[in-house]
Amino acid sequence: ERTRDVEKCKIGFEDLLNRLGTDH
C-alpha cells in the first residue's frame, strides 16, 4: 500500500533498515 500515514511510514522504514541489515 502507498501511504502518508506517519506511523505506518515509520514502521515500514525501520523494517526496511532492519531487513537490509543497515543503519542508513
mmCIF file of all heavy atoms, coordinates in Angstrom:
data_MODEL
# 
_entry.id   MODEL 
# 
loop_
_atom_site.group_PDB 
_atom_site.id 
_atom_site.type_symbol 
_atom_site.label_atom_id 
_atom_site.label_alt_id 
_atom_site.label_comp_id 
_atom_site.label_asym_id 
_atom_site.label_entity_id 
_atom_site.label_seq_id 
_atom_site.pdbx_PDB_ins_code 
_atom_site.Cartn_x 
_atom_site.Cartn_y 
_atom_site.Cartn_z 
_atom_site.occupancy 
_atom_site.B_iso_or_equiv 
_atom_site.pdbx_formal_charge 
_atom_site.auth_seq_id 
_atom_site.auth_comp_id 
_atom_site.auth_asym_id 
_atom_site.auth_atom_id 
_atom_site.pdbx_PDB_model_num 
ATOM 1   N N   . GLU A 1 1  ? 0.844  -1.186 0.000  1.00 0.00 ? 1  GLU A N   1 
ATOM 2   C CA  . GLU A 1 1  ? 0.000  0.000  0.000  1.00 0.00 ? 1  GLU A CA  1 
ATOM 3   C C   . GLU A 1 1  ? 0.883  1.241  0.000  1.00 0.00 ? 1  GLU A C   1 
ATOM 4   O O   . GLU A 1 1  ? 1.948  1.267  0.633  1.00 0.00 ? 1  GLU A O   1 
ATOM 5   C CB  . GLU A 1 1  ? -0.895 0.048  1.249  1.00 0.00 ? 1  GLU A CB  1 
ATOM 6   C CG  . GLU A 1 1  ? -2.018 -0.946 1.268  1.00 0.00 ? 1  GLU A CG  1 
ATOM 7   C CD  . GLU A 1 1  ? -2.883 -0.810 2.522  1.00 0.00 ? 1  GLU A CD  1 
ATOM 8   O OE1 . GLU A 1 1  ? -2.696 0.202  3.247  1.00 0.00 ? 1  GLU A OE1 1 
ATOM 9   O OE2 . GLU A 1 1  ? -3.707 -1.693 2.771  1.00 0.00 ? 1  GLU A OE2 1 
ATOM 10  N N   . ARG A 1 2  ? 0.466  2.260  -0.713 1.00 0.00 ? 2  ARG A N   1 
ATOM 11  C CA  . ARG A 1 2  ? 1.138  3.555  -0.671 1.00 0.00 ? 2  ARG A CA  1 
ATOM 12  C C   . ARG A 1 2  ? 0.453  4.371  0.424  1.00 0.00 ? 2  ARG A C   1 
ATOM 13  O O   . ARG A 1 2  ? -0.772 4.480  0.454  1.00 0.00 ? 2  ARG A O   1 
ATOM 14  C CB  . ARG A 1 2  ? 0.996  4.246  -2.030 1.00 0.00 ? 2  ARG A CB  1 
ATOM 15  C CG  . ARG A 1 2  ? 1.437  5.694  -2.095 1.00 0.00 ? 2  ARG A CG  1 
ATOM 16  C CD  . ARG A 1 2  ? 1.281  6.170  -3.540 1.00 0.00 ? 2  ARG A CD  1 
ATOM 17  N NE  . ARG A 1 2  ? 1.411  7.604  -3.677 1.00 0.00 ? 2  ARG A NE  1 
ATOM 18  C CZ  . ARG A 1 2  ? 0.428  8.476  -3.529 1.00 0.00 ? 2  ARG A CZ  1 
ATOM 19  N NH1 . ARG A 1 2  ? -0.792 8.050  -3.213 1.00 0.00 ? 2  ARG A NH1 1 
ATOM 20  N NH2 . ARG A 1 2  ? 0.635  9.775  -3.684 1.00 0.00 ? 2  ARG A NH2 1 
ATOM 21  N N   . THR A 1 3  ? 1.243  4.942  1.333  1.00 0.00 ? 3  THR A N   1 
ATOM 22  C CA  . THR A 1 3  ? 0.639  5.642  2.467  1.00 0.00 ? 3  THR A CA  1 
ATOM 23  C C   . THR A 1 3  ? 1.412  6.903  2.821  1.00 0.00 ? 3  THR A C   1 
ATOM 24  O O   . THR A 1 3  ? 2.606  7.015  2.554  1.00 0.00 ? 3  THR A O   1 
ATOM 25  C CB  . THR A 1 3  ? 0.593  4.712  3.706  1.00 0.00 ? 3  THR A CB  1 
ATOM 26  O OG1 . THR A 1 3  ? -0.050 5.394  4.794  1.00 0.00 ? 3  THR A OG1 1 
ATOM 27  C CG2 . THR A 1 3  ? 1.999  4.317  4.153  1.00 0.00 ? 3  THR A CG2 1 
ATOM 28  N N   . ARG A 1 4  ? 0.683  7.867  3.440  1.00 0.00 ? 4  ARG A N   1 
ATOM 29  C CA  . ARG A 1 4  ? 1.311  9.060  4.019  1.00 0.00 ? 4  ARG A CA  1 
ATOM 30  C C   . ARG A 1 4  ? 1.127  9.070  5.531  1.00 0.00 ? 4  ARG A C   1 
ATOM 31  O O   . ARG A 1 4  ? 1.514  10.032 6.190  1.00 0.00 ? 4  ARG A O   1 
ATOM 32  C CB  . ARG A 1 4  ? 0.684  10.337 3.433  1.00 0.00 ? 4  ARG A CB  1 
ATOM 33  C CG  . ARG A 1 4  ? 0.730  10.445 1.917  1.00 0.00 ? 4  ARG A CG  1 
ATOM 34  C CD  . ARG A 1 4  ? 2.130  10.450 1.365  1.00 0.00 ? 4  ARG A CD  1 
ATOM 35  N NE  . ARG A 1 4  ? 2.139  10.633 -0.081 1.00 0.00 ? 4  ARG A NE  1 
ATOM 36  C CZ  . ARG A 1 4  ? 3.131  10.274 -0.872 1.00 0.00 ? 4  ARG A CZ  1 
ATOM 37  N NH1 . ARG A 1 4  ? 4.201  9.707  -0.370 1.00 0.00 ? 4  ARG A NH1 1 
ATOM 38  N NH2 . ARG A 1 4  ? 3.061  10.469 -2.179 1.00 0.00 ? 4  ARG A NH2 1 
ATOM 39  N N   . ASP A 1 5  ? 0.531  8.014  6.052  1.00 0.00 ? 5  ASP A N   1 
ATOM 40  C CA  . ASP A 1 5  ? 0.349  7.885  7.496  1.00 0.00 ? 5  ASP A CA  1 
ATOM 41  C C   . ASP A 1 5  ? 1.732  7.749  8.141  1.00 0.00 ? 5  ASP A C   1 
ATOM 42  O O   . ASP A 1 5  ? 2.455  6.782  7.891  1.00 0.00 ? 5  ASP A O   1 
ATOM 43  C CB  . ASP A 1 5  ? -0.513 6.653  7.791  1.00 0.00 ? 5  ASP A CB  1 
ATOM 44  C CG  . ASP A 1 5  ? -0.798 6.482  9.278  1.00 0.00 ? 5  ASP A CG  1 
ATOM 45  O OD1 . ASP A 1 5  ? 0.167  6.187  10.019 1.00 0.00 ? 5  ASP A OD1 1 
ATOM 46  O OD2 . ASP A 1 5  ? -1.960 6.630  9.675  1.00 0.00 ? 5  ASP A OD2 1 
ATOM 47  N N   . VAL A 1 6  ? 2.087  8.699  8.987  1.00 0.00 ? 6  VAL A N   1 
ATOM 48  C CA  . VAL A 1 6  ? 3.442  8.754  9.524  1.00 0.00 ? 6  VAL A CA  1 
ATOM 49  C C   . VAL A 1 6  ? 3.789  7.504  10.333 1.00 0.00 ? 6  VAL A C   1 
ATOM 50  O O   . VAL A 1 6  ? 4.906  6.983  10.235 1.00 0.00 ? 6  VAL A O   1 
ATOM 51  C CB  . VAL A 1 6  ? 3.642  10.028 10.373 1.00 0.00 ? 6  VAL A CB  1 
ATOM 52  C CG1 . VAL A 1 6  ? 5.007  9.997  11.061 1.00 0.00 ? 6  VAL A CG1 1 
ATOM 53  C CG2 . VAL A 1 6  ? 3.530  11.266 9.490  1.00 0.00 ? 6  VAL A CG2 1 
ATOM 54  N N   . GLU A 1 7  ? 2.851  7.009  11.132 1.00 0.00 ? 7  GLU A N   1 
ATOM 55  C CA  . GLU A 1 7  ? 3.146  5.819  11.942 1.00 0.00 ? 7  GLU A CA  1 
ATOM 56  C C   . GLU A 1 7  ? 3.429  4.613  11.061 1.00 0.00 ? 7  GLU A C   1 
ATOM 57  O O   . GLU A 1 7  ? 4.349  3.837  11.323 1.00 0.00 ? 7  GLU A O   1 
ATOM 58  C CB  . GLU A 1 7  ? 1.986  5.535  12.903 1.00 0.00 ? 7  GLU A CB  1 
ATOM 59  C CG  . GLU A 1 7  ? 1.877  6.539  14.038 1.00 0.00 ? 7  GLU A CG  1 
ATOM 60  C CD  . GLU A 1 7  ? 3.201  6.721  14.784 1.00 0.00 ? 7  GLU A CD  1 
ATOM 61  O OE1 . GLU A 1 7  ? 3.811  5.691  15.180 1.00 0.00 ? 7  GLU A OE1 1 
ATOM 62  O OE2 . GLU A 1 7  ? 3.630  7.872  14.961 1.00 0.00 ? 7  GLU A OE2 1 
ATOM 63  N N   . LYS A 1 8  ? 2.637  4.455  9.996  1.00 0.00 ? 8  LYS A N   1 
ATOM 64  C CA  . LYS A 1 8  ? 2.888  3.356  9.061  1.00 0.00 ? 8  LYS A CA  1 
ATOM 65  C C   . LYS A 1 8  ? 4.224  3.548  8.356  1.00 0.00 ? 8  LYS A C   1 
ATOM 66  O O   . LYS A 1 8  ? 4.974  2.593  8.125  1.00 0.00 ? 8  LYS A O   1 
ATOM 67  C CB  . LYS A 1 8  ? 1.754  3.266  8.038  1.00 0.00 ? 8  LYS A CB  1 
ATOM 68  C CG  . LYS A 1 8  ? 0.451  2.722  8.582  1.00 0.00 ? 8  LYS A CG  1 
ATOM 69  C CD  . LYS A 1 8  ? -0.594 2.602  7.479  1.00 0.00 ? 8  LYS A CD  1 
ATOM 70  C CE  . LYS A 1 8  ? -1.884 1.990  8.007  1.00 0.00 ? 8  LYS A CE  1 
ATOM 71  N NZ  . LYS A 1 8  ? -2.914 1.863  6.939  1.00 0.00 ? 8  LYS A NZ  1 
ATOM 72  N N   . CYS A 1 9  ? 4.518  4.801  8.002  1.00 0.00 ? 9  CYS A N   1 
ATOM 73  C CA  . CYS A 1 9  ? 5.791  5.101  7.334  1.00 0.00 ? 9  CYS A CA  1 
ATOM 74  C C   . CYS A 1 9  ? 6.975  4.748  8.234  1.00 0.00 ? 9  CYS A C   1 
ATOM 75  O O   . CYS A 1 9  ? 7.987  4.205  7.759  1.00 0.00 ? 9  CYS A O   1 
ATOM 76  C CB  . CYS A 1 9  ? 5.863  6.578  6.948  1.00 0.00 ? 9  CYS A CB  1 
ATOM 77  S SG  . CYS A 1 9  ? 4.778  7.044  5.572  1.00 0.00 ? 9  CYS A SG  1 
ATOM 78  N N   . LYS A 1 10 ? 6.855  5.066  9.515  1.00 0.00 ? 10 LYS A N   1 
ATOM 79  C CA  . LYS A 1 10 ? 7.933  4.766  10.468 1.00 0.00 ? 10 LYS A CA  1 
ATOM 80  C C   . LYS A 1 10 ? 8.167  3.263  10.563 1.00 0.00 ? 10 LYS A C   1 
ATOM 81  O O   . LYS A 1 10 ? 9.302  2.787  10.512 1.00 0.00 ? 10 LYS A O   1 
ATOM 82  C CB  . LYS A 1 10 ? 7.595  5.333  11.845 1.00 0.00 ? 10 LYS A CB  1 
ATOM 83  C CG  . LYS A 1 10 ? 7.713  6.843  11.938 1.00 0.00 ? 10 LYS A CG  1 
ATOM 84  C CD  . LYS A 1 10 ? 7.360  7.330  13.347 1.00 0.00 ? 10 LYS A CD  1 
ATOM 85  C CE  . LYS A 1 10 ? 7.523  8.844  13.448 1.00 0.00 ? 10 LYS A CE  1 
ATOM 86  N NZ  . LYS A 1 10 ? 7.152  9.343  14.805 1.00 0.00 ? 10 LYS A NZ  1 
ATOM 87  N N   . ILE A 1 11 ? 7.072  2.526  10.718 1.00 0.00 ? 11 ILE A N   1 
ATOM 88  C CA  . ILE A 1 11 ? 7.189  1.067  10.831 1.00 0.00 ? 11 ILE A CA  1 
ATOM 89  C C   . ILE A 1 11 ? 7.799  0.491  9.543  1.00 0.00 ? 11 ILE A C   1 
ATOM 90  O O   . ILE A 1 11 ? 8.704  -0.349 9.582  1.00 0.00 ? 11 ILE A O   1 
ATOM 91  C CB  . ILE A 1 11 ? 5.813  0.430  11.107 1.00 0.00 ? 11 ILE A CB  1 
ATOM 92  C CG1 . ILE A 1 11 ? 5.286  0.881  12.476 1.00 0.00 ? 11 ILE A CG1 1 
ATOM 93  C CG2 . ILE A 1 11 ? 5.888  -1.090 11.031 1.00 0.00 ? 11 ILE A CG2 1 
ATOM 94  C CD1 . ILE A 1 11 ? 3.854  0.487  12.751 1.00 0.00 ? 11 ILE A CD1 1 
ATOM 95  N N   . GLY A 1 12 ? 7.304  0.969  8.414  1.00 0.00 ? 12 GLY A N   1 
ATOM 96  C CA  . GLY A 1 12 ? 7.788  0.474  7.126  1.00 0.00 ? 12 GLY A CA  1 
ATOM 97  C C   . GLY A 1 12 ? 9.247  0.790  6.882  1.00 0.00 ? 12 GLY A C   1 
ATOM 98  O O   . GLY A 1 12 ? 9.997  -0.047 6.372  1.00 0.00 ? 12 GLY A O   1 
ATOM 99  N N   . PHE A 1 13 ? 9.676  1.988  7.275  1.00 0.00 ? 13 PHE A N   1 
ATOM 100 C CA  . PHE A 1 13 ? 11.065 2.374  7.021  1.00 0.00 ? 13 PHE A CA  1 
ATOM 101 C C   . PHE A 1 13 ? 12.019 1.642  7.956  1.00 0.00 ? 13 PHE A C   1 
ATOM 102 O O   . PHE A 1 13 ? 13.090 1.185  7.529  1.00 0.00 ? 13 PHE A O   1 
ATOM 103 C CB  . PHE A 1 13 ? 11.241 3.888  7.168  1.00 0.00 ? 13 PHE A CB  1 
ATOM 104 C CG  . PHE A 1 13 ? 12.624 4.347  6.790  1.00 0.00 ? 13 PHE A CG  1 
ATOM 105 C CD1 . PHE A 1 13 ? 12.994 4.437  5.457  1.00 0.00 ? 13 PHE A CD1 1 
ATOM 106 C CD2 . PHE A 1 13 ? 13.563 4.645  7.762  1.00 0.00 ? 13 PHE A CD2 1 
ATOM 107 C CE1 . PHE A 1 13 ? 14.279 4.829  5.099  1.00 0.00 ? 13 PHE A CE1 1 
ATOM 108 C CE2 . PHE A 1 13 ? 14.847 5.045  7.416  1.00 0.00 ? 13 PHE A CE2 1 
ATOM 109 C CZ  . PHE A 1 13 ? 15.205 5.136  6.080  1.00 0.00 ? 13 PHE A CZ  1 
ATOM 110 N N   . GLU A 1 14 ? 11.663 1.524  9.226  1.00 0.00 ? 14 GLU A N   1 
ATOM 111 C CA  . GLU A 1 14 ? 12.515 0.792  10.155 1.00 0.00 ? 14 GLU A CA  1 
ATOM 112 C C   . GLU A 1 14 ? 12.621 -0.677 9.747  1.00 0.00 ? 14 GLU A C   1 
ATOM 113 O O   . GLU A 1 14 ? 13.681 -1.298 9.887  1.00 0.00 ? 14 GLU A O   1 
ATOM 114 C CB  . GLU A 1 14 ? 11.971 0.915  11.587 1.00 0.00 ? 14 GLU A CB  1 
ATOM 115 C CG  . GLU A 1 14 ? 12.096 2.309  12.176 1.00 0.00 ? 14 GLU A CG  1 
ATOM 116 C CD  . GLU A 1 14 ? 13.544 2.809  12.244 1.00 0.00 ? 14 GLU A CD  1 
ATOM 117 O OE1 . GLU A 1 14 ? 14.454 1.973  12.446 1.00 0.00 ? 14 GLU A OE1 1 
ATOM 118 O OE2 . GLU A 1 14 ? 13.757 4.030  12.076 1.00 0.00 ? 14 GLU A OE2 1 
ATOM 119 N N   . ASP A 1 15 ? 11.522 -1.212 9.215  1.00 0.00 ? 15 ASP A N   1 
ATOM 120 C CA  . ASP A 1 15 ? 11.539 -2.580 8.723  1.00 0.00 ? 15 ASP A CA  1 
ATOM 121 C C   . ASP A 1 15 ? 12.526 -2.710 7.560  1.00 0.00 ? 15 ASP A C   1 
ATOM 122 O O   . ASP A 1 15 ? 13.264 -3.700 7.467  1.00 0.00 ? 15 ASP A O   1 
ATOM 123 C CB  . ASP A 1 15 ? 10.139 -2.991 8.266  1.00 0.00 ? 15 ASP A CB  1 
ATOM 124 C CG  . ASP A 1 15 ? 10.100 -4.378 7.655  1.00 0.00 ? 15 ASP A CG  1 
ATOM 125 O OD1 . ASP A 1 15 ? 10.119 -5.362 8.417  1.00 0.00 ? 15 ASP A OD1 1 
ATOM 126 O OD2 . ASP A 1 15 ? 10.078 -4.482 6.400  1.00 0.00 ? 15 ASP A OD2 1 
ATOM 127 N N   . LEU A 1 16 ? 12.555 -1.711 6.699  1.00 0.00 ? 16 LEU A N   1 
ATOM 128 C CA  . LEU A 1 16 ? 13.489 -1.718 5.570  1.00 0.00 ? 16 LEU A CA  1 
ATOM 129 C C   . LEU A 1 16 ? 14.935 -1.776 6.056  1.00 0.00 ? 16 LEU A C   1 
ATOM 130 O O   . LEU A 1 16 ? 15.727 -2.612 5.606  1.00 0.00 ? 16 LEU A O   1 
ATOM 131 C CB  . LEU A 1 16 ? 13.276 -0.477 4.707  1.00 0.00 ? 16 LEU A CB  1 
ATOM 132 C CG  . LEU A 1 16 ? 14.254 -0.278 3.547  1.00 0.00 ? 16 LEU A CG  1 
ATOM 133 C CD1 . LEU A 1 16 ? 14.081 -1.374 2.502  1.00 0.00 ? 16 LEU A CD1 1 
ATOM 134 C CD2 . LEU A 1 16 ? 14.070 1.098  2.904  1.00 0.00 ? 16 LEU A CD2 1 
ATOM 135 N N   . LEU A 1 17 ? 15.281 -0.903 7.009  1.00 0.00 ? 17 LEU A N   1 
ATOM 136 C CA  . LEU A 1 17 ? 16.642 -0.891 7.531  1.00 0.00 ? 17 LEU A CA  1 
ATOM 137 C C   . LEU A 1 17 ? 16.995 -2.222 8.199  1.00 0.00 ? 17 LEU A C   1 
ATOM 138 O O   . LEU A 1 17 ? 18.079 -2.773 7.979  1.00 0.00 ? 17 LEU A O   1 
ATOM 139 C CB  . LEU A 1 17 ? 16.816 0.250  8.541  1.00 0.00 ? 17 LEU A CB  1 
ATOM 140 C CG  . LEU A 1 17 ? 16.706 1.686  8.013  1.00 0.00 ? 17 LEU A CG  1 
ATOM 141 C CD1 . LEU A 1 17 ? 17.010 2.673  9.143  1.00 0.00 ? 17 LEU A CD1 1 
ATOM 142 C CD2 . LEU A 1 17 ? 17.632 1.937  6.833  1.00 0.00 ? 17 LEU A CD2 1 
ATOM 143 N N   . ASN A 1 18 ? 16.076 -2.734 9.000  1.00 0.00 ? 18 ASN A N   1 
ATOM 144 C CA  . ASN A 1 18 ? 16.346 -3.974 9.732  1.00 0.00 ? 18 ASN A CA  1 
ATOM 145 C C   . ASN A 1 18 ? 16.562 -5.149 8.781  1.00 0.00 ? 18 ASN A C   1 
ATOM 146 O O   . ASN A 1 18 ? 17.486 -5.949 8.961  1.00 0.00 ? 18 ASN A O   1 
ATOM 147 C CB  . ASN A 1 18 ? 15.198 -4.288 10.695 1.00 0.00 ? 18 ASN A CB  1 
ATOM 148 C CG  . ASN A 1 18 ? 15.142 -3.313 11.854 1.00 0.00 ? 18 ASN A CG  1 
ATOM 149 O OD1 . ASN A 1 18 ? 16.146 -2.709 12.226 1.00 0.00 ? 18 ASN A OD1 1 
ATOM 150 N ND2 . ASN A 1 18 ? 13.960 -3.145 12.439 1.00 0.00 ? 18 ASN A ND2 1 
ATOM 151 N N   . ARG A 1 19 ? 15.715 -5.254 7.784  1.00 0.00 ? 19 ARG A N   1 
ATOM 152 C CA  . ARG A 1 19 ? 15.811 -6.389 6.860  1.00 0.00 ? 19 ARG A CA  1 
ATOM 153 C C   . ARG A 1 19 ? 17.017 -6.267 5.933  1.00 0.00 ? 19 ARG A C   1 
ATOM 154 O O   . ARG A 1 19 ? 17.549 -7.284 5.478  1.00 0.00 ? 19 ARG A O   1 
ATOM 155 C CB  . ARG A 1 19 ? 14.516 -6.553 6.071  1.00 0.00 ? 19 ARG A CB  1 
ATOM 156 C CG  . ARG A 1 19 ? 13.355 -6.988 6.940  1.00 0.00 ? 19 ARG A CG  1 
ATOM 157 C CD  . ARG A 1 19 ? 12.086 -7.251 6.161  1.00 0.00 ? 19 ARG A CD  1 
ATOM 158 N NE  . ARG A 1 19 ? 10.992 -7.566 7.055  1.00 0.00 ? 19 ARG A NE  1 
ATOM 159 C CZ  . ARG A 1 19 ? 10.776 -8.775 7.592  1.00 0.00 ? 19 ARG A CZ  1 
ATOM 160 N NH1 . ARG A 1 19 ? 11.582 -9.779 7.288  1.00 0.00 ? 19 ARG A NH1 1 
ATOM 161 N NH2 . ARG A 1 19 ? 9.752  -8.974 8.399  1.00 0.00 ? 19 ARG A NH2 1 
ATOM 162 N N   . LEU A 1 20 ? 17.447 -5.049 5.655  1.00 0.00 ? 20 LEU A N   1 
ATOM 163 C CA  . LEU A 1 20 ? 18.641 -4.863 4.840  1.00 0.00 ? 20 LEU A CA  1 
ATOM 164 C C   . LEU A 1 20 ? 19.914 -4.987 5.672  1.00 0.00 ? 20 LEU A C   1 
ATOM 165 O O   . LEU A 1 20 ? 21.016 -5.048 5.124  1.00 0.00 ? 20 LEU A O   1 
ATOM 166 C CB  . LEU A 1 20 ? 18.613 -3.494 4.152  1.00 0.00 ? 20 LEU A CB  1 
ATOM 167 C CG  . LEU A 1 20 ? 17.520 -3.274 3.096  1.00 0.00 ? 20 LEU A CG  1 
ATOM 168 C CD1 . LEU A 1 20 ? 17.658 -1.880 2.487  1.00 0.00 ? 20 LEU A CD1 1 
ATOM 169 C CD2 . LEU A 1 20 ? 17.577 -4.336 2.001  1.00 0.00 ? 20 LEU A CD2 1 
ATOM 170 N N   . GLY A 1 21 ? 19.773 -4.981 6.990  1.00 0.00 ? 21 GLY A N   1 
ATOM 171 C CA  . GLY A 1 21 ? 20.936 -5.096 7.871  1.00 0.00 ? 21 GLY A CA  1 
ATOM 172 C C   . GLY A 1 21 ? 21.819 -3.868 7.831  1.00 0.00 ? 21 GLY A C   1 
ATOM 173 O O   . GLY A 1 21 ? 23.049 -3.965 7.863  1.00 0.00 ? 21 GLY A O   1 
ATOM 174 N N   . THR A 1 22 ? 21.183 -2.694 7.779  1.00 0.00 ? 22 THR A N   1 
ATOM 175 C CA  . THR A 1 22 ? 21.946 -1.449 7.700  1.00 0.00 ? 22 THR A CA  1 
ATOM 176 C C   . THR A 1 22 ? 21.315 -0.408 8.620  1.00 0.00 ? 22 THR A C   1 
ATOM 177 O O   . THR A 1 22 ? 20.155 -0.544 9.026  1.00 0.00 ? 22 THR A O   1 
ATOM 178 C CB  . THR A 1 22 ? 21.994 -0.926 6.245  1.00 0.00 ? 22 THR A CB  1 
ATOM 179 O OG1 . THR A 1 22 ? 22.867 0.193  6.162  1.00 0.00 ? 22 THR A OG1 1 
ATOM 180 C CG2 . THR A 1 22 ? 20.616 -0.504 5.756  1.00 0.00 ? 22 THR A CG2 1 
ATOM 181 N N   . ASP A 1 23 ? 22.076 0.631  8.955  1.00 0.00 ? 23 ASP A N   1 
ATOM 182 C CA  . ASP A 1 23 ? 21.529 1.687  9.809  1.00 0.00 ? 23 ASP A CA  1 
ATOM 183 C C   . ASP A 1 23 ? 21.159 2.932  9.013  1.00 0.00 ? 23 ASP A C   1 
ATOM 184 O O   . ASP A 1 23 ? 20.723 3.932  9.578  1.00 0.00 ? 23 ASP A O   1 
ATOM 185 C CB  . ASP A 1 23 ? 22.514 2.052  10.927 1.00 0.00 ? 23 ASP A CB  1 
ATOM 186 C CG  . ASP A 1 23 ? 23.844 2.576  10.390 1.00 0.00 ? 23 ASP A CG  1 
ATOM 187 O OD1 . ASP A 1 23 ? 24.014 2.656  9.145  1.00 0.00 ? 23 ASP A OD1 1 
ATOM 188 O OD2 . ASP A 1 23 ? 24.724 2.897  11.207 1.00 0.00 ? 23 ASP A OD2 1 
ATOM 189 N N   . HIS A 1 24 ? 21.347 2.867  7.685  1.00 0.00 ? 24 HIS A N   1 
ATOM 190 C CA  . HIS A 1 24 ? 21.003 4.027  6.854  1.00 0.00 ? 24 HIS A CA  1 
ATOM 191 C C   . HIS A 1 24 ? 20.874 3.589  5.393  1.00 0.00 ? 24 HIS A C   1 
ATOM 192 O O   . HIS A 1 24 ? 21.326 2.510  5.015  1.00 0.00 ? 24 HIS A O   1 
ATOM 193 C CB  . HIS A 1 24 ? 22.094 5.093  6.935  1.00 0.00 ? 24 HIS A CB  1 
ATOM 194 C CG  . HIS A 1 24 ? 23.316 4.726  6.148  1.00 0.00 ? 24 HIS A CG  1 
ATOM 195 N ND1 . HIS A 1 24 ? 24.242 3.792  6.589  1.00 0.00 ? 24 HIS A ND1 1 
ATOM 196 C CD2 . HIS A 1 24 ? 23.757 5.139  4.922  1.00 0.00 ? 24 HIS A CD2 1 
ATOM 197 C CE1 . HIS A 1 24 ? 25.202 3.644  5.691  1.00 0.00 ? 24 HIS A CE1 1 
ATOM 198 N NE2 . HIS A 1 24 ? 24.936 4.452  4.664  1.00 0.00 ? 24 HIS A NE2 1 
# 
